[in-house]
């Protein structure tokens, strides 16, 4: 099964994450099927850049987002709606 989850990068105590579509049996740092965006929790507010069309594509084909990615998607979609008014 394909999952949409975070892949950690960055130095010790300075995390930076890529949002990836990857086989759920693969280790966290292995090769991903597709890179969908990134998440930087160290900025205030946290910076998220994501290709929503590709996320939607993978979810339609059965990919399961992790709990963290699901909350990031929900939070950024809500922020996009408030900024567009």
PDB file of N, CA and C in Angstrom:
ATOM      1  N   UNK A   1       0.841  -1.177   0.000  1.00  0.00           N
ATOM      2  CA  UNK A   1       0.000   0.000   0.000  1.00  0.00           C
ATOM      3  C   UNK A   1       0.889   1.243   0.000  1.00  0.00           C
ATOM      4  N   UNK A   2       0.455   2.255  -0.694  1.00  0.00           N
ATOM      5  CA  UNK A   2       1.176   3.517  -0.750  1.00  0.00           C
ATOM      6  C   UNK A   2       0.686   4.403   0.388  1.00  0.00           C
ATOM      7  N   UNK A   3       1.631   5.072   1.054  1.00  0.00           N
ATOM      8  CA  UNK A   3       1.254   6.020   2.088  1.00  0.00           C
ATOM      9  C   UNK A   3       1.872   7.374   1.768  1.00  0.00           C
ATOM     10  N   UNK A   4       1.243   8.410   2.264  1.00  0.00           N
ATOM     11  CA  UNK A   4       1.763   9.775   2.139  1.00  0.00           C
ATOM     12  C   UNK A   4       2.240  10.144   3.530  1.00  0.00           C
ATOM     13  N   UNK A   5       3.537  10.347   3.651  1.00  0.00           N
ATOM     14  CA  UNK A   5       4.104  10.596   4.974  1.00  0.00           C
ATOM     15  C   UNK A   5       5.294  11.536   4.874  1.00  0.00           C
ATOM     16  N   UNK A   6       5.887  11.829   6.029  1.00  0.00           N
ATOM     17  CA  UNK A   6       7.015  12.749   6.095  1.00  0.00           C
ATOM     18  C   UNK A   6       8.332  11.990   6.008  1.00  0.00           C
ATOM     19  N   UNK A   7       9.301  12.598   5.318  1.00  0.00           N
ATOM     20  CA  UNK A   7      10.653  12.077   5.246  1.00  0.00           C
ATOM     21  C   UNK A   7      11.562  13.127   5.877  1.00  0.00           C
ATOM     22  N   UNK A   8      12.299  12.759   6.920  1.00  0.00           N
ATOM     23  CA  UNK A   8      13.068  13.740   7.686  1.00  0.00           C
ATOM     24  C   UNK A   8      14.388  14.061   7.021  1.00  0.00           C
ATOM     25  N   UNK A   9      14.708  15.345   6.997  1.00  0.00           N
ATOM     26  CA  UNK A   9      15.998  15.858   6.567  1.00  0.00           C
ATOM     27  C   UNK A   9      16.451  16.853   7.610  1.00  0.00           C
ATOM     28  N   UNK A  10      17.592  17.460   7.419  1.00  0.00           N
ATOM     29  CA  UNK A  10      18.077  18.485   8.328  1.00  0.00           C
ATOM     30  C   UNK A  10      19.050  17.920   9.338  1.00  0.00           C
ATOM     31  N   UNK A  11      19.678  18.823  10.040  1.00  0.00           N
ATOM     32  CA  UNK A  11      20.673  18.467  11.041  1.00  0.00           C
ATOM     33  C   UNK A  11      20.013  18.091  12.359  1.00  0.00           C
ATOM     34  N   UNK A  12      20.833  17.663  13.278  1.00  0.00           N
ATOM     35  CA  UNK A  12      20.350  17.333  14.611  1.00  0.00           C
ATOM     36  C   UNK A  12      19.704  18.568  15.235  1.00  0.00           C
ATOM     37  N   UNK A  13      18.521  18.389  15.791  1.00  0.00           N
ATOM     38  CA  UNK A  13      17.739  19.456  16.429  1.00  0.00           C
ATOM     39  C   UNK A  13      17.226  20.514  15.449  1.00  0.00           C
ATOM     40  N   UNK A  14      17.378  20.288  14.140  1.00  0.00           N
ATOM     41  CA  UNK A  14      16.886  21.225  13.129  1.00  0.00           C
ATOM     42  C   UNK A  14      16.163  20.442  12.035  1.00  0.00           C
ATOM     43  N   UNK A  15      14.988  19.902  12.353  1.00  0.00           N
ATOM     44  CA  UNK A  15      14.300  19.048  11.384  1.00  0.00           C
ATOM     45  C   UNK A  15      13.707  19.840  10.220  1.00  0.00           C
ATOM     46  N   UNK A  16      13.667  19.172   9.100  1.00  0.00           N
ATOM     47  CA  UNK A  16      13.032  19.667   7.880  1.00  0.00           C
ATOM     48  C   UNK A  16      12.455  18.423   7.216  1.00  0.00           C
ATOM     49  N   UNK A  17      11.228  18.496   6.762  1.00  0.00           N
ATOM     50  CA  UNK A  17      10.564  17.303   6.244  1.00  0.00           C
ATOM     51  C   UNK A  17      10.106  17.494   4.814  1.00  0.00           C
ATOM     52  N   UNK A  18      10.208  16.423   4.029  1.00  0.00           N
ATOM     53  CA  UNK A  18       9.579  16.368   2.720  1.00  0.00           C
ATOM     54  C   UNK A  18       8.317  15.538   2.859  1.00  0.00           C
ATOM     55  N   UNK A  19       7.284  15.931   2.156  1.00  0.00           N
ATOM     56  CA  UNK A  19       6.044  15.154   2.109  1.00  0.00           C
ATOM     57  C   UNK A  19       6.150  14.279   0.873  1.00  0.00           C
ATOM     58  N   UNK A  20       6.062  12.963   1.076  1.00  0.00           N
ATOM     59  CA  UNK A  20       6.319  12.025  -0.018  1.00  0.00           C
ATOM     60  C   UNK A  20       5.229  10.964  -0.118  1.00  0.00           C
ATOM     61  N   UNK A  21       5.079  10.430  -1.320  1.00  0.00           N
ATOM     62  CA  UNK A  21       4.275   9.227  -1.543  1.00  0.00           C
ATOM     63  C   UNK A  21       5.278   8.085  -1.617  1.00  0.00           C
ATOM     64  N   UNK A  22       5.085   7.059  -0.766  1.00  0.00           N
ATOM     65  CA  UNK A  22       6.072   5.998  -0.652  1.00  0.00           C
ATOM     66  C   UNK A  22       5.365   4.700  -0.274  1.00  0.00           C
ATOM     67  N   UNK A  23       5.945   3.584  -0.635  1.00  0.00           N
ATOM     68  CA  UNK A  23       5.419   2.281  -0.234  1.00  0.00           C
ATOM     69  C   UNK A  23       5.493   2.200   1.289  1.00  0.00           C
ATOM     70  N   UNK A  24       4.423   1.798   1.919  1.00  0.00           N
ATOM     71  CA  UNK A  24       4.351   1.825   3.383  1.00  0.00           C
ATOM     72  C   UNK A  24       5.345   0.869   4.048  1.00  0.00           C
ATOM     73  N   UNK A  25       5.855  -0.111   3.317  1.00  0.00           N
ATOM     74  CA  UNK A  25       6.813  -1.058   3.897  1.00  0.00           C
ATOM     75  C   UNK A  25       8.245  -0.558   3.843  1.00  0.00           C
ATOM     76  N   UNK A  26       8.500   0.536   3.143  1.00  0.00           N
ATOM     77  CA  UNK A  26       9.857   1.060   2.994  1.00  0.00           C
ATOM     78  C   UNK A  26      10.266   1.856   4.227  1.00  0.00           C
ATOM     79  N   UNK A  27      11.578   1.899   4.533  1.00  0.00           N
ATOM     80  CA  UNK A  27      12.057   2.730   5.649  1.00  0.00           C
ATOM     81  C   UNK A  27      11.834   4.217   5.371  1.00  0.00           C
ATOM     82  N   UNK A  28      11.910   5.012   6.417  1.00  0.00           N
ATOM     83  CA  UNK A  28      11.630   6.447   6.323  1.00  0.00           C
ATOM     84  C   UNK A  28      12.546   7.158   5.332  1.00  0.00           C
ATOM     85  N   UNK A  29      13.804   6.772   5.267  1.00  0.00           N
ATOM     86  CA  UNK A  29      14.777   7.480   4.439  1.00  0.00           C
ATOM     87  C   UNK A  29      15.011   6.834   3.086  1.00  0.00           C
ATOM     88  N   UNK A  30      14.161   5.906   2.665  1.00  0.00           N
ATOM     89  CA  UNK A  30      14.386   5.235   1.392  1.00  0.00           C
ATOM     90  C   UNK A  30      13.800   6.042   0.231  1.00  0.00           C
ATOM     91  N   UNK A  31      13.972   5.523  -0.979  1.00  0.00           N
ATOM     92  CA  UNK A  31      13.541   6.241  -2.172  1.00  0.00           C
ATOM     93  C   UNK A  31      12.015   6.315  -2.243  1.00  0.00           C
ATOM     94  N   UNK A  32      11.518   7.503  -2.509  1.00  0.00           N
ATOM     95  CA  UNK A  32      10.066   7.735  -2.578  1.00  0.00           C
ATOM     96  C   UNK A  32       9.571   7.570  -4.000  1.00  0.00           C
ATOM     97  N   UNK A  33       8.286   7.298  -4.129  1.00  0.00           N
ATOM     98  CA  UNK A  33       7.657   7.234  -5.450  1.00  0.00           C
ATOM     99  C   UNK A  33       7.551   8.629  -6.050  1.00  0.00           C
ATOM    100  N   UNK A  34       7.184   9.611  -5.199  1.00  0.00           N
ATOM    101  CA  UNK A  34       7.040  10.988  -5.665  1.00  0.00           C
ATOM    102  C   UNK A  34       7.172  11.944  -4.483  1.00  0.00           C
ATOM    103  N   UNK A  35       7.816  13.087  -4.735  1.00  0.00           N
ATOM    104  CA  UNK A  35       7.922  14.145  -3.737  1.00  0.00           C
ATOM    105  C   UNK A  35       6.766  15.110  -3.939  1.00  0.00           C
ATOM    106  N   UNK A  36       5.995  15.332  -2.882  1.00  0.00           N
ATOM    107  CA  UNK A  36       4.770  16.124  -2.996  1.00  0.00           C
ATOM    108  C   UNK A  36       4.878  17.520  -2.395  1.00  0.00           C
ATOM    109  N   UNK A  37       5.905  17.765  -1.610  1.00  0.00           N
ATOM    110  CA  UNK A  37       6.059  19.075  -1.001  1.00  0.00           C
ATOM    111  C   UNK A  37       7.012  19.013   0.166  1.00  0.00           C
ATOM    112  N   UNK A  38       6.986  20.058   0.990  1.00  0.00           N
ATOM    113  CA  UNK A  38       7.843  20.074   2.176  1.00  0.00           C
ATOM    114  C   UNK A  38       7.139  20.752   3.340  1.00  0.00           C
ATOM    115  N   UNK A  39       7.696  20.514   4.532  1.00  0.00           N
ATOM    116  CA  UNK A  39       7.156  21.061   5.777  1.00  0.00           C
ATOM    117  C   UNK A  39       8.336  21.474   6.643  1.00  0.00           C
ATOM    118  N   UNK A  40       8.384  22.746   7.019  1.00  0.00           N
ATOM    119  CA  UNK A  40       9.456  23.253   7.869  1.00  0.00           C
ATOM    120  C   UNK A  40       8.837  23.732   9.179  1.00  0.00           C
ATOM    121  N   UNK A  41       8.940  22.924  10.258  1.00  0.00           N
ATOM    122  CA  UNK A  41       8.306  23.291  11.521  1.00  0.00           C
ATOM    123  C   UNK A  41       9.062  24.351  12.315  1.00  0.00           C
ATOM    124  N   UNK A  42      10.273  24.713  11.907  1.00  0.00           N
ATOM    125  CA  UNK A  42      11.075  25.655  12.689  1.00  0.00           C
ATOM    126  C   UNK A  42      10.716  27.115  12.444  1.00  0.00           C
ATOM    127  N   UNK A  43      10.081  27.421  11.323  1.00  0.00           N
ATOM    128  CA  UNK A  43       9.681  28.801  11.076  1.00  0.00           C
ATOM    129  C   UNK A  43       8.408  29.097  11.863  1.00  0.00           C
ATOM    130  N   UNK A  44       8.148  30.365  12.082  1.00  0.00           N
ATOM    131  CA  UNK A  44       6.951  30.743  12.819  1.00  0.00           C
ATOM    132  C   UNK A  44       6.131  31.689  11.959  1.00  0.00           C
ATOM    133  N   UNK A  45       5.007  31.273  11.414  1.00  0.00           N
ATOM    134  CA  UNK A  45       4.376  29.960  11.508  1.00  0.00           C
ATOM    135  C   UNK A  45       5.106  28.934  10.637  1.00  0.00           C
ATOM    136  N   UNK A  46       4.811  27.674  10.858  1.00  0.00           N
ATOM    137  CA  UNK A  46       5.458  26.602  10.110  1.00  0.00           C
ATOM    138  C   UNK A  46       5.178  26.767   8.615  1.00  0.00           C
ATOM    139  N   UNK A  47       6.208  26.581   7.805  1.00  0.00           N
ATOM    140  CA  UNK A  47       6.074  26.766   6.354  1.00  0.00           C
ATOM    141  C   UNK A  47       5.754  25.433   5.699  1.00  0.00           C
ATOM    142  N   UNK A  48       4.694  25.426   4.895  1.00  0.00           N
ATOM    143  CA  UNK A  48       4.267  24.225   4.179  1.00  0.00           C
ATOM    144  C   UNK A  48       4.097  24.589   2.714  1.00  0.00           C
ATOM    145  N   UNK A  49       4.702  23.817   1.861  1.00  0.00           N
ATOM    146  CA  UNK A  49       4.517  23.948   0.417  1.00  0.00           C
ATOM    147  C   UNK A  49       4.138  22.559  -0.084  1.00  0.00           C
ATOM    148  N   UNK A  50       2.983  22.467  -0.766  1.00  0.00           N
ATOM    149  CA  UNK A  50       2.490  21.159  -1.160  1.00  0.00           C
ATOM    150  C   UNK A  50       1.775  21.248  -2.496  1.00  0.00           C
ATOM    151  N   UNK A  51       1.938  20.211  -3.326  1.00  0.00           N
ATOM    152  CA  UNK A  51       1.233  20.106  -4.590  1.00  0.00           C
ATOM    153  C   UNK A  51      -0.080  19.367  -4.319  1.00  0.00           C
ATOM    154  N   UNK A  52      -1.152  20.112  -4.080  1.00  0.00           N
ATOM    155  CA  UNK A  52      -2.436  19.527  -3.687  1.00  0.00           C
ATOM    156  C   UNK A  52      -3.032  18.641  -4.780  1.00  0.00           C
ATOM    157  N   UNK A  53      -2.774  18.982  -6.048  1.00  0.00           N
ATOM    158  CA  UNK A  53      -3.293  18.152  -7.135  1.00  0.00           C
ATOM    159  C   UNK A  53      -2.706  16.748  -7.076  1.00  0.00           C
ATOM    160  N   UNK A  54      -1.410  16.649  -6.832  1.00  0.00           N
ATOM    161  CA  UNK A  54      -0.760  15.337  -6.758  1.00  0.00           C
ATOM    162  C   UNK A  54      -1.154  14.592  -5.486  1.00  0.00           C
ATOM    163  N   UNK A  55      -1.359  15.298  -4.382  1.00  0.00           N
ATOM    164  CA  UNK A  55      -1.838  14.648  -3.150  1.00  0.00           C
ATOM    165  C   UNK A  55      -3.209  14.049  -3.405  1.00  0.00           C
ATOM    166  N   UNK A  56      -4.078  14.821  -4.034  1.00  0.00           N
ATOM    167  CA  UNK A  56      -5.417  14.332  -4.365  1.00  0.00           C
ATOM    168  C   UNK A  56      -5.334  13.117  -5.289  1.00  0.00           C
ATOM    169  N   UNK A  57      -4.430  13.163  -6.269  1.00  0.00           N
ATOM    170  CA  UNK A  57      -4.232  12.047  -7.197  1.00  0.00           C
ATOM    171  C   UNK A  57      -3.891  10.772  -6.435  1.00  0.00           C
ATOM    172  N   UNK A  58      -2.945  10.850  -5.500  1.00  0.00           N
ATOM    173  CA  UNK A  58      -2.520   9.662  -4.757  1.00  0.00           C
ATOM    174  C   UNK A  58      -3.611   9.154  -3.828  1.00  0.00           C
ATOM    175  N   UNK A  59      -4.346  10.061  -3.196  1.00  0.00           N
ATOM    176  CA  UNK A  59      -5.430   9.644  -2.297  1.00  0.00           C
ATOM    177  C   UNK A  59      -6.536   8.955  -3.092  1.00  0.00           C
ATOM    178  N   UNK A  60      -6.838   9.466  -4.290  1.00  0.00           N
ATOM    179  CA  UNK A  60      -7.847   8.824  -5.131  1.00  0.00           C
ATOM    180  C   UNK A  60      -7.447   7.412  -5.539  1.00  0.00           C
ATOM    181  N   UNK A  61      -6.159   7.130  -5.596  1.00  0.00           N
ATOM    182  CA  UNK A  61      -5.667   5.814  -5.965  1.00  0.00           C
ATOM    183  C   UNK A  61      -5.375   4.928  -4.761  1.00  0.00           C
ATOM    184  N   UNK A  62      -5.851   5.330  -3.591  1.00  0.00           N
ATOM    185  CA  UNK A  62      -5.782   4.476  -2.415  1.00  0.00           C
ATOM    186  C   UNK A  62      -4.658   4.764  -1.442  1.00  0.00           C
ATOM    187  N   UNK A  63      -3.871   5.797  -1.659  1.00  0.00           N
ATOM    188  CA  UNK A  63      -2.797   6.131  -0.723  1.00  0.00           C
ATOM    189  C   UNK A  63      -3.406   6.634   0.588  1.00  0.00           C
ATOM    190  N   UNK A  64      -2.810   6.243   1.696  1.00  0.00           N
ATOM    191  CA  UNK A  64      -3.278   6.641   3.017  1.00  0.00           C
ATOM    192  C   UNK A  64      -2.321   7.670   3.615  1.00  0.00           C
ATOM    193  N   UNK A  65      -2.774   8.897   3.868  1.00  0.00           N
ATOM    194  CA  UNK A  65      -1.891   9.865   4.520  1.00  0.00           C
ATOM    195  C   UNK A  65      -1.694   9.509   5.996  1.00  0.00           C
ATOM    196  N   UNK A  66      -0.500   9.777   6.493  1.00  0.00           N
ATOM    197  CA  UNK A  66      -0.249   9.560   7.920  1.00  0.00           C
ATOM    198  C   UNK A  66      -1.057  10.586   8.715  1.00  0.00           C
ATOM    199  N   UNK A  67      -1.171  10.372  10.014  1.00  0.00           N
ATOM    200  CA  UNK A  67      -1.948  11.293  10.854  1.00  0.00           C
ATOM    201  C   UNK A  67      -1.376  12.710  10.780  1.00  0.00           C
ATOM    202  N   UNK A  68      -0.047  12.820  10.799  1.00  0.00           N
ATOM    203  CA  UNK A  68       0.591  14.132  10.749  1.00  0.00           C
ATOM    204  C   UNK A  68       0.325  14.814   9.414  1.00  0.00           C
ATOM    205  N   UNK A  69       0.478  14.088   8.318  1.00  0.00           N
ATOM    206  CA  UNK A  69       0.238  14.673   7.002  1.00  0.00           C
ATOM    207  C   UNK A  69      -1.234  15.038   6.848  1.00  0.00           C
ATOM    208  N   UNK A  70      -2.123  14.217   7.365  1.00  0.00           N
ATOM    209  CA  UNK A  70      -3.559  14.526   7.295  1.00  0.00           C
ATOM    210  C   UNK A  70      -3.852  15.852   8.010  1.00  0.00           C
ATOM    211  N   UNK A  71      -3.238  16.064   9.168  1.00  0.00           N
ATOM    212  CA  UNK A  71      -3.472  17.313   9.898  1.00  0.00           C
ATOM    213  C   UNK A  71      -2.840  18.503   9.183  1.00  0.00           C
ATOM    214  N   UNK A  72      -1.680  18.300   8.553  1.00  0.00           N
ATOM    215  CA  UNK A  72      -1.039  19.383   7.791  1.00  0.00           C
ATOM    216  C   UNK A  72      -1.921  19.773   6.607  1.00  0.00           C
ATOM    217  N   UNK A  73      -2.457  18.782   5.907  1.00  0.00           N
ATOM    218  CA  UNK A  73      -3.332  19.059   4.765  1.00  0.00           C
ATOM    219  C   UNK A  73      -4.562  19.832   5.223  1.00  0.00           C
ATOM    220  N   UNK A  74      -5.185  19.377   6.290  1.00  0.00           N
ATOM    221  CA  UNK A  74      -6.391  20.049   6.790  1.00  0.00           C
ATOM    222  C   UNK A  74      -6.089  21.478   7.232  1.00  0.00           C
ATOM    223  N   UNK A  75      -4.978  21.674   7.915  1.00  0.00           N
ATOM    224  CA  UNK A  75      -4.610  22.999   8.407  1.00  0.00           C
ATOM    225  C   UNK A  75      -4.281  23.945   7.257  1.00  0.00           C
ATOM    226  N   UNK A  76      -3.551  23.479   6.261  1.00  0.00           N
ATOM    227  CA  UNK A  76      -3.177  24.367   5.161  1.00  0.00           C
ATOM    228  C   UNK A  76      -4.351  24.642   4.238  1.00  0.00           C
ATOM    229  N   UNK A  77      -5.228  23.682   4.044  1.00  0.00           N
ATOM    230  CA  UNK A  77      -6.432  23.935   3.236  1.00  0.00           C
ATOM    231  C   UNK A  77      -7.301  24.987   3.912  1.00  0.00           C
ATOM    232  N   UNK A  78      -7.430  24.905   5.242  1.00  0.00           N
ATOM    233  CA  UNK A  78      -8.229  25.881   5.995  1.00  0.00           C
ATOM    234  C   UNK A  78      -7.590  27.267   5.868  1.00  0.00           C
ATOM    235  N   UNK A  79      -6.257  27.339   5.959  1.00  0.00           N
ATOM    236  CA  UNK A  79      -5.570  28.619   5.827  1.00  0.00           C
ATOM    237  C   UNK A  79      -5.735  29.197   4.431  1.00  0.00           C
ATOM    238  N   UNK A  80      -5.708  28.344   3.404  1.00  0.00           N
ATOM    239  CA  UNK A  80      -5.891  28.816   2.041  1.00  0.00           C
ATOM    240  C   UNK A  80      -7.269  29.431   1.858  1.00  0.00           C
ATOM    241  N   UNK A  81      -8.291  28.850   2.463  1.00  0.00           N
ATOM    242  CA  UNK A  81      -9.650  29.373   2.342  1.00  0.00           C
ATOM    243  C   UNK A  81      -9.769  30.728   3.021  1.00  0.00           C
ATOM    244  N   UNK A  82      -9.120  30.909   4.178  1.00  0.00           N
ATOM    245  CA  UNK A  82      -9.228  32.174   4.884  1.00  0.00           C
ATOM    246  C   UNK A  82      -8.472  33.283   4.147  1.00  0.00           C
ATOM    247  N   UNK A  83      -7.371  32.924   3.462  1.00  0.00           N
ATOM    248  CA  UNK A  83      -6.610  33.939   2.726  1.00  0.00           C
ATOM    249  C   UNK A  83      -7.278  34.323   1.418  1.00  0.00           C
ATOM    250  N   UNK A  84      -8.109  33.455   0.875  1.00  0.00           N
ATOM    251  CA  UNK A  84      -8.713  33.754  -0.412  1.00  0.00           C
ATOM    252  C   UNK A  84      -9.941  34.656  -0.303  1.00  0.00           C
ATOM    253  N   UNK A  85     -10.443  34.910   0.897  1.00  0.00           N
ATOM    254  CA  UNK A  85     -11.626  35.765   1.058  1.00  0.00           C
ATOM    255  C   UNK A  85     -11.276  37.218   0.966  1.00  0.00           C
TER     256      UNK A  85
END
